[in-house]
Amino acid sequence: MQTPSTLSIYVRMIVCMIGFLLPFLLIAISGEFRPSVSNYYYTSAGPFFIFSLGLISYTMMQEKTWIPSGVLLAMVAIFPNVDFPYIHNISAIIFFVISTAAITFDKRYRWMGFVMMASSFLVIHSLMLAESVLIPLISAYHLHRLTVIQKI
């Protein structure tokens, strides 16, 4: 396997930062609070939402372990929740489950997987709240792994 270039690592770090901030950027761009991150598809932040998910999913697919999550995230972007509720919601749920499992099975980051599992119960209170915790955790995991690769 070819080692990623320094530029590639830094680009991926920027994508991770976009993912980390995504729920908050969507609120800031649209100027409104929605019940789910996916609902920003139908606001002025919609193009940014679609572009960000596409960029993040492409970046995830660069790592063999994360290809399924990347494909599912692309499906979340391609199939909006109002027009294709079943495809969208099933893809989103499986994305979070697979991502949580992948992080939990990484021994160095197992604790983060357990935090994600505990945080998933926030969905009972608010889907947006749960997503606002889980999305940054997934992004933080990837960002930390990249800093280890780059030895920053």
C-alpha atoms as a PDB file:
ATOM      1  CA  MET A   1       0.000   0.000   0.000  1.00  0.00           C
ATOM      2  CA  GLN A   2       1.307   3.414  -0.952  1.00  0.00           C
ATOM      3  CA  THR A   3       1.788   5.924   1.868  1.00  0.00           C
ATOM      4  CA  PRO A   4      -0.233   9.115   1.463  1.00  0.00           C
ATOM      5  CA  SER A   5       1.628  12.297   0.591  1.00  0.00           C
ATOM      6  CA  THR A   6       1.911  15.161   3.055  1.00  0.00           C
ATOM      7  CA  LEU A   7      -0.415  17.285   0.904  1.00  0.00           C
ATOM      8  CA  SER A   8      -2.963  14.467   0.809  1.00  0.00           C
ATOM      9  CA  ILE A   9      -2.848  14.190   4.612  1.00  0.00           C
ATOM     10  CA  TYR A  10      -3.385  17.926   5.044  1.00  0.00           C
ATOM     11  CA  VAL A  11      -6.308  17.952   2.587  1.00  0.00           C
ATOM     12  CA  ARG A  12      -7.879  15.056   4.484  1.00  0.00           C
ATOM     13  CA  MET A  13      -7.369  16.967   7.744  1.00  0.00           C
ATOM     14  CA  ILE A  14      -9.254  19.940   6.302  1.00  0.00           C
ATOM     15  CA  VAL A  15     -12.082  17.604   5.255  1.00  0.00           C
ATOM     16  CA  CYS A  16     -12.142  16.184   8.806  1.00  0.00           C
ATOM     17  CA  MET A  17     -12.413  19.709  10.203  1.00  0.00           C
ATOM     18  CA  ILE A  18     -15.341  20.421   7.880  1.00  0.00           C
ATOM     19  CA  GLY A  19     -16.985  17.222   9.143  1.00  0.00           C
ATOM     20  CA  PHE A  20     -16.255  18.156  12.750  1.00  0.00           C
ATOM     21  CA  LEU A  21     -17.918  21.538  12.317  1.00  0.00           C
ATOM     22  CA  LEU A  22     -20.638  20.455   9.869  1.00  0.00           C
ATOM     23  CA  PRO A  23     -23.687  20.573  12.193  1.00  0.00           C
ATOM     24  CA  PHE A  24     -22.674  24.007  13.472  1.00  0.00           C
ATOM     25  CA  LEU A  25     -21.757  25.369  10.022  1.00  0.00           C
ATOM     26  CA  LEU A  26     -25.150  24.298   8.670  1.00  0.00           C
ATOM     27  CA  ILE A  27     -26.917  26.207  11.446  1.00  0.00           C
ATOM     28  CA  ALA A  28     -24.711  29.261  10.856  1.00  0.00           C
ATOM     29  CA  ILE A  29     -25.113  29.230   7.051  1.00  0.00           C
ATOM     30  CA  SER A  30     -28.884  28.713   7.063  1.00  0.00           C
ATOM     31  CA  GLY A  31     -29.562  30.857  10.122  1.00  0.00           C
ATOM     32  CA  GLU A  32     -32.034  28.326  11.462  1.00  0.00           C
ATOM     33  CA  PHE A  33     -32.150  25.250  13.675  1.00  0.00           C
ATOM     34  CA  ARG A  34     -33.576  22.116  12.079  1.00  0.00           C
ATOM     35  CA  PRO A  35     -34.540  18.812  13.754  1.00  0.00           C
ATOM     36  CA  SER A  36     -31.868  16.895  11.794  1.00  0.00           C
ATOM     37  CA  VAL A  37     -28.662  17.583   9.889  1.00  0.00           C
ATOM     38  CA  SER A  38     -30.342  16.047   6.834  1.00  0.00           C
ATOM     39  CA  ASN A  39     -33.075  18.695   6.899  1.00  0.00           C
ATOM     40  CA  TYR A  40     -30.506  21.333   5.911  1.00  0.00           C
ATOM     41  CA  TYR A  41     -30.712  19.846   2.412  1.00  0.00           C
ATOM     42  CA  TYR A  42     -33.820  22.007   1.953  1.00  0.00           C
ATOM     43  CA  THR A  43     -32.315  25.293   3.199  1.00  0.00           C
ATOM     44  CA  SER A  44     -29.875  27.832   1.825  1.00  0.00           C
ATOM     45  CA  ALA A  45     -27.167  25.572   3.315  1.00  0.00           C
ATOM     46  CA  GLY A  46     -28.285  22.699   1.049  1.00  0.00           C
ATOM     47  CA  PRO A  47     -25.499  23.030  -1.536  1.00  0.00           C
ATOM     48  CA  PHE A  48     -22.887  23.188   1.243  1.00  0.00           C
ATOM     49  CA  PHE A  49     -24.477  20.133   2.898  1.00  0.00           C
ATOM     50  CA  ILE A  50     -24.382  18.082  -0.326  1.00  0.00           C
ATOM     51  CA  PHE A  51     -20.845  19.210  -1.209  1.00  0.00           C
ATOM     52  CA  SER A  52     -19.574  18.466   2.318  1.00  0.00           C
ATOM     53  CA  LEU A  53     -21.106  14.987   2.463  1.00  0.00           C
ATOM     54  CA  GLY A  54     -19.744  14.206  -0.995  1.00  0.00           C
ATOM     55  CA  LEU A  55     -16.266  15.391  -0.032  1.00  0.00           C
ATOM     56  CA  ILE A  56     -16.333  13.537   3.288  1.00  0.00           C
ATOM     57  CA  SER A  57     -17.634  10.319   1.712  1.00  0.00           C
ATOM     58  CA  TYR A  58     -14.961  10.456  -1.013  1.00  0.00           C
ATOM     59  CA  THR A  59     -12.294  10.970   1.645  1.00  0.00           C
ATOM     60  CA  MET A  60     -13.640   8.061   3.715  1.00  0.00           C
ATOM     61  CA  MET A  61     -13.514   5.795   0.674  1.00  0.00           C
ATOM     62  CA  GLN A  62      -9.753   6.369   0.455  1.00  0.00           C
ATOM     63  CA  GLU A  63      -9.324   4.031   3.441  1.00  0.00           C
ATOM     64  CA  LYS A  64     -10.243   0.411   2.811  1.00  0.00           C
ATOM     65  CA  THR A  65     -11.881  -0.048   6.227  1.00  0.00           C
ATOM     66  CA  TRP A  66     -14.092   2.993   5.704  1.00  0.00           C
ATOM     67  CA  ILE A  67     -15.363   2.270   2.163  1.00  0.00           C
ATOM     68  CA  PRO A  68     -18.785   0.991   3.377  1.00  0.00           C
ATOM     69  CA  SER A  69     -19.270   4.087   5.548  1.00  0.00           C
ATOM     70  CA  GLY A  70     -18.216   6.330   2.662  1.00  0.00           C
ATOM     71  CA  VAL A  71     -20.706   4.691   0.295  1.00  0.00           C
ATOM     72  CA  LEU A  72     -23.512   4.975   2.853  1.00  0.00           C
ATOM     73  CA  LEU A  73     -22.700   8.641   3.475  1.00  0.00           C
ATOM     74  CA  ALA A  74     -22.814   9.283  -0.286  1.00  0.00           C
ATOM     75  CA  MET A  75     -26.257   7.655  -0.344  1.00  0.00           C
ATOM     76  CA  VAL A  76     -27.375   9.981   2.454  1.00  0.00           C
ATOM     77  CA  ALA A  77     -26.342  12.938   0.260  1.00  0.00           C
ATOM     78  CA  ILE A  78     -27.802  11.556  -2.976  1.00  0.00           C
ATOM     79  CA  PHE A  79     -31.176  10.536  -1.536  1.00  0.00           C
ATOM     80  CA  PRO A  80     -32.740  13.437   0.425  1.00  0.00           C
ATOM     81  CA  ASN A  81     -34.746  12.492   3.500  1.00  0.00           C
ATOM     82  CA  VAL A  82     -38.071  13.945   2.311  1.00  0.00           C
ATOM     83  CA  ASP A  83     -37.979  12.540  -1.245  1.00  0.00           C
ATOM     84  CA  PHE A  84     -36.457   9.136  -0.385  1.00  0.00           C
ATOM     85  CA  PRO A  85     -37.101   8.646   3.352  1.00  0.00           C
ATOM     86  CA  TYR A  86     -36.471   4.899   3.522  1.00  0.00           C
ATOM     87  CA  ILE A  87     -33.234   4.867   1.537  1.00  0.00           C
ATOM     88  CA  HIS A  88     -31.969   7.995   3.283  1.00  0.00           C
ATOM     89  CA  ASN A  89     -32.819   6.970   6.837  1.00  0.00           C
ATOM     90  CA  ILE A  90     -31.629   3.374   6.503  1.00  0.00           C
ATOM     91  CA  SER A  91     -28.355   4.584   4.933  1.00  0.00           C
ATOM     92  CA  ALA A  92     -27.858   7.123   7.740  1.00  0.00           C
ATOM     93  CA  ILE A  93     -28.570   4.612  10.503  1.00  0.00           C
ATOM     94  CA  ILE A  94     -26.261   1.984   9.022  1.00  0.00           C
ATOM     95  CA  PHE A  95     -23.595   4.682   8.472  1.00  0.00           C
ATOM     96  CA  PHE A  96     -23.608   5.570  12.174  1.00  0.00           C
ATOM     97  CA  VAL A  97     -23.709   1.916  13.291  1.00  0.00           C
ATOM     98  CA  ILE A  98     -20.820   0.862  11.012  1.00  0.00           C
ATOM     99  CA  SER A  99     -18.772   3.952  11.916  1.00  0.00           C
ATOM    100  CA  THR A 100     -19.293   3.346  15.631  1.00  0.00           C
ATOM    101  CA  ALA A 101     -18.332  -0.315  15.221  1.00  0.00           C
ATOM    102  CA  ALA A 102     -15.189   0.544  13.230  1.00  0.00           C
ATOM    103  CA  ILE A 103     -14.045   3.001  15.894  1.00  0.00           C
ATOM    104  CA  THR A 104     -14.923   0.613  18.728  1.00  0.00           C
ATOM    105  CA  PHE A 105     -12.917  -2.216  17.130  1.00  0.00           C
ATOM    106  CA  ASP A 106      -9.838   0.029  16.861  1.00  0.00           C
ATOM    107  CA  LYS A 107      -8.221  -0.781  20.227  1.00  0.00           C
ATOM    108  CA  ARG A 108      -6.507   2.600  20.505  1.00  0.00           C
ATOM    109  CA  TYR A 109      -9.831   4.440  20.126  1.00  0.00           C
ATOM    110  CA  ARG A 110     -12.224   1.963  21.741  1.00  0.00           C
ATOM    111  CA  TRP A 111     -13.136   4.546  24.384  1.00  0.00           C
ATOM    112  CA  MET A 112     -14.373   6.853  21.620  1.00  0.00           C
ATOM    113  CA  GLY A 113     -16.598   4.070  20.291  1.00  0.00           C
ATOM    114  CA  PHE A 114     -18.122   3.642  23.729  1.00  0.00           C
ATOM    115  CA  VAL A 115     -18.737   7.403  23.945  1.00  0.00           C
ATOM    116  CA  MET A 116     -20.464   7.176  20.557  1.00  0.00           C
ATOM    117  CA  MET A 117     -22.643   4.291  21.729  1.00  0.00           C
ATOM    118  CA  ALA A 118     -23.660   6.222  24.838  1.00  0.00           C
ATOM    119  CA  SER A 119     -24.248   9.387  22.796  1.00  0.00           C
ATOM    120  CA  SER A 120     -26.556   7.586  20.398  1.00  0.00           C
ATOM    121  CA  PHE A 121     -29.171   7.552  23.152  1.00  0.00           C
ATOM    122  CA  LEU A 122     -29.413  11.334  22.712  1.00  0.00           C
ATOM    123  CA  VAL A 123     -31.600  10.572  19.701  1.00  0.00           C
ATOM    124  CA  ILE A 124     -34.433   9.982  22.179  1.00  0.00           C
ATOM    125  CA  HIS A 125     -34.246  13.669  23.080  1.00  0.00           C
ATOM    126  CA  SER A 126     -33.227  15.163  19.727  1.00  0.00           C
ATOM    127  CA  LEU A 127     -31.918  13.709  16.471  1.00  0.00           C
ATOM    128  CA  MET A 128     -30.000  16.926  15.804  1.00  0.00           C
ATOM    129  CA  LEU A 129     -28.352  16.727  19.224  1.00  0.00           C
ATOM    130  CA  ALA A 130     -27.286  13.112  18.639  1.00  0.00           C
ATOM    131  CA  GLU A 131     -25.917  13.971  15.188  1.00  0.00           C
ATOM    132  CA  SER A 132     -24.141  17.036  16.607  1.00  0.00           C
ATOM    133  CA  VAL A 133     -22.221  14.714  18.937  1.00  0.00           C
ATOM    134  CA  LEU A 134     -21.689  11.691  16.662  1.00  0.00           C
ATOM    135  CA  ILE A 135     -20.540  13.548  13.539  1.00  0.00           C
ATOM    136  CA  PRO A 136     -17.783  15.490  15.353  1.00  0.00           C
ATOM    137  CA  LEU A 137     -16.684  12.285  17.132  1.00  0.00           C
ATOM    138  CA  ILE A 138     -16.285  10.426  13.828  1.00  0.00           C
ATOM    139  CA  SER A 139     -14.398  13.411  12.419  1.00  0.00           C
ATOM    140  CA  ALA A 140     -12.209  13.718  15.530  1.00  0.00           C
ATOM    141  CA  TYR A 141     -11.287  10.035  15.225  1.00  0.00           C
ATOM    142  CA  HIS A 142     -10.146  10.494  11.619  1.00  0.00           C
ATOM    143  CA  LEU A 143      -8.397  13.764  12.395  1.00  0.00           C
ATOM    144  CA  HIS A 144      -6.462  12.195  15.262  1.00  0.00           C
ATOM    145  CA  ARG A 145      -5.450   9.214  13.126  1.00  0.00           C
ATOM    146  CA  LEU A 146      -4.142  11.605  10.470  1.00  0.00           C
ATOM    147  CA  THR A 147      -2.127  13.558  13.037  1.00  0.00           C
ATOM    148  CA  VAL A 148      -0.561  10.280  14.175  1.00  0.00           C
ATOM    149  CA  ILE A 149       0.308   9.380  10.558  1.00  0.00           C
ATOM    150  CA  GLN A 150       1.794  12.842  10.001  1.00  0.00           C
ATOM    151  CA  LYS A 151       3.385  12.871  13.486  1.00  0.00           C
ATOM    152  CA  ILE A 152       1.995  16.278  14.328  1.00  0.00           C
END
